[in-house]
Structure formats: structure tokens, C-alpha cells
Amino acid sequence: MVNRRDTEQTSTHTGGNALLTCAEYQQPGKASCVSVNWTMGDTQLEVVNTATGRRRDSGTASRLCKHALFTRWNRLYRNSLSQDYIETNIHIHTYGELRIIMNLSMFLD
């Protein structure tokens, strides 16, 4: 048995999805269809359609998508790894030079 009230609500929502705002489309107790995020250094909020994961203004992928986050993490990791490696090598050479000087000074005494 089909409830007439349910079919009226469904036709209202599905008949003009593109013309309805989220507030009009959102059913009570349901989550919003947009996500808003901002990070330090950004000039504006990013509004993302939660159904597609794309930005509402440009249709491009969100800066919080898996690919963007992985790309940023990978770049940070490579930079930190390189810097740590370089610093470690500098310290190793400095330590080695000091050890040689110390050993020579022991033999010269």
C-alpha cells in the first residue's frame, strides 16, 4: 500500500532537485548536502557538495579529497626526508672529523 503523503513528498523532492536549495531539499533528521572547510592561509571557505565531493563554485575536486591530501603529504614527507638526510650527513662528517682530531691529539700527547 502506497502512502499518498510519501509519494507527494518524493515527487516534490525528485521533480526539481536542481532548482531546490539544500535547505529546501534537506529532510528533517538528515545531514546537510554541503560541507564547509577552511584552513589557515586560505583566503576563503571551500564549500563542497557532499554527494559528489566537488567544490560547488568550480566543480573541481575538493582540497580535502584523498588525492590532494596524499599529494601534499608526499611532498612534505619528501622535503622532510631530504632535509633530515642532509642534516644527518653533515653531523656524521662533523663527528668523524672531530673523532679524527681527538685521536690524533691523543697520539701526539
Protein backbone atom coordinates (compact mmCIF):
# COMPACT_ATOMS: atom_id res chain seq x y z
CA MET A 1 0.00 0.00 0.00
CA VAL A 2 1.43 3.38 -1.02
CA ASN A 3 1.01 6.29 1.32
CA ARG A 4 -0.18 9.31 -0.67
CA ARG A 5 1.73 11.70 1.60
CA ASP A 6 5.03 9.86 0.90
CA THR A 7 4.54 9.99 -2.87
CA GLU A 8 3.78 13.72 -2.74
CA GLN A 9 6.97 14.40 -0.76
CA THR A 10 9.03 12.27 -3.11
CA SER A 11 7.69 13.95 -6.22
CA THR A 12 8.34 17.36 -4.69
CA HIS A 13 11.96 16.47 -3.93
CA THR A 14 12.79 14.50 -7.07
CA GLY A 15 10.88 16.63 -9.52
CA GLY A 16 13.13 19.67 -9.25
CA ASN A 17 16.34 18.71 -7.47
CA ALA A 18 18.42 21.14 -9.49
CA LEU A 19 16.18 24.06 -8.57
CA LEU A 20 15.99 23.41 -4.85
CA THR A 21 18.48 24.69 -2.31
CA CYS A 22 19.88 22.35 0.30
CA ALA A 23 17.63 23.84 2.98
CA GLU A 24 14.58 23.10 0.86
CA TYR A 25 15.77 19.64 -0.14
CA GLN A 26 17.05 18.53 3.25
CA GLN A 27 14.68 16.27 5.07
CA PRO A 28 14.32 16.57 8.85
CA GLY A 29 16.91 14.45 10.63
CA LYS A 30 19.10 14.15 7.54
CA ALA A 31 22.61 15.53 7.15
CA SER A 32 23.30 18.64 5.11
CA CYS A 33 24.30 18.21 1.47
CA VAL A 34 27.23 20.61 1.75
CA SER A 35 30.46 20.60 3.69
CA VAL A 36 32.36 23.76 4.51
CA ASN A 37 36.07 23.77 5.32
CA TRP A 38 38.79 26.32 5.81
CA THR A 39 42.46 26.08 6.70
CA MET A 40 44.93 28.69 7.87
CA GLY A 41 46.37 30.51 4.89
CA ASP A 42 43.28 30.13 2.72
CA THR A 43 41.55 33.29 1.60
CA GLN A 44 38.04 31.84 1.57
CA LEU A 45 35.88 28.93 2.65
CA GLU A 46 35.61 25.88 0.43
CA VAL A 47 32.01 24.70 0.02
CA VAL A 48 31.81 21.09 -1.14
CA ASN A 49 28.80 19.15 -2.40
CA THR A 50 28.80 16.05 -0.19
CA ALA A 51 27.11 13.91 -2.85
CA THR A 52 29.89 14.47 -5.40
CA GLY A 53 32.87 15.59 -3.29
CA ARG A 54 33.41 18.51 -5.67
CA ARG A 55 33.53 22.23 -4.98
CA ARG A 56 30.23 23.99 -5.58
CA ASP A 57 31.78 27.08 -7.18
CA SER A 58 34.09 25.44 -9.74
CA GLY A 59 33.16 21.75 -9.84
CA THR A 60 36.80 20.77 -9.22
CA ALA A 61 37.86 18.22 -6.63
CA SER A 62 37.98 19.39 -3.03
CA ARG A 63 41.33 20.15 -1.42
CA LEU A 64 40.31 17.50 1.12
CA CYS A 65 39.98 14.70 -1.44
CA LYS A 66 42.24 11.67 -0.95
CA HIS A 67 44.42 12.51 -3.93
CA ALA A 68 45.05 16.09 -2.81
CA LEU A 69 45.81 15.05 0.77
CA PHE A 70 48.15 12.28 -0.38
CA THR A 71 49.95 14.63 -2.77
CA ARG A 72 50.52 17.18 -0.02
CA TRP A 73 51.63 14.53 2.48
CA ASN A 74 54.01 13.00 -0.05
CA ARG A 75 55.56 16.41 -0.84
CA LEU A 76 56.00 17.18 2.87
CA TYR A 77 57.49 13.75 3.50
CA ARG A 78 60.00 14.08 0.66
CA ASN A 79 61.05 17.53 1.83
CA SER A 80 61.45 16.47 5.45
CA LEU A 81 63.27 13.30 4.46
CA SER A 82 65.73 15.18 2.28
CA GLN A 83 66.37 17.79 4.94
CA ASP A 84 66.85 15.17 7.66
CA TYR A 85 69.15 13.15 5.42
CA ILE A 86 71.28 16.20 4.57
CA GLU A 87 71.48 17.29 8.21
CA THR A 88 72.39 13.77 9.31
CA ASN A 89 75.20 13.58 6.76
CA ILE A 90 76.56 16.95 7.90
CA HIS A 91 76.55 15.78 11.52
CA ILE A 92 78.17 12.46 10.60
CA HIS A 93 81.01 14.20 8.77
CA THR A 94 81.46 16.70 11.62
CA TYR A 95 81.52 13.84 14.14
CA GLY A 96 84.01 11.92 12.01
CA GLU A 97 86.30 14.93 11.69
CA LEU A 98 86.17 15.58 15.43
CA ARG A 99 86.93 11.94 16.18
CA ILE A 100 89.99 12.03 13.90
CA ILE A 101 91.22 15.23 15.58
CA MET A 102 90.66 13.69 19.01
CA ASN A 103 92.51 10.50 18.07
CA LEU A 104 95.41 12.48 16.62
CA SER A 105 95.64 14.64 19.72
CA MET A 106 95.79 11.50 21.89
CA PHE A 107 98.68 10.11 19.86
CA LEU A 108 100.55 13.41 19.86
CA ASP A 109 100.43 13.76 23.64
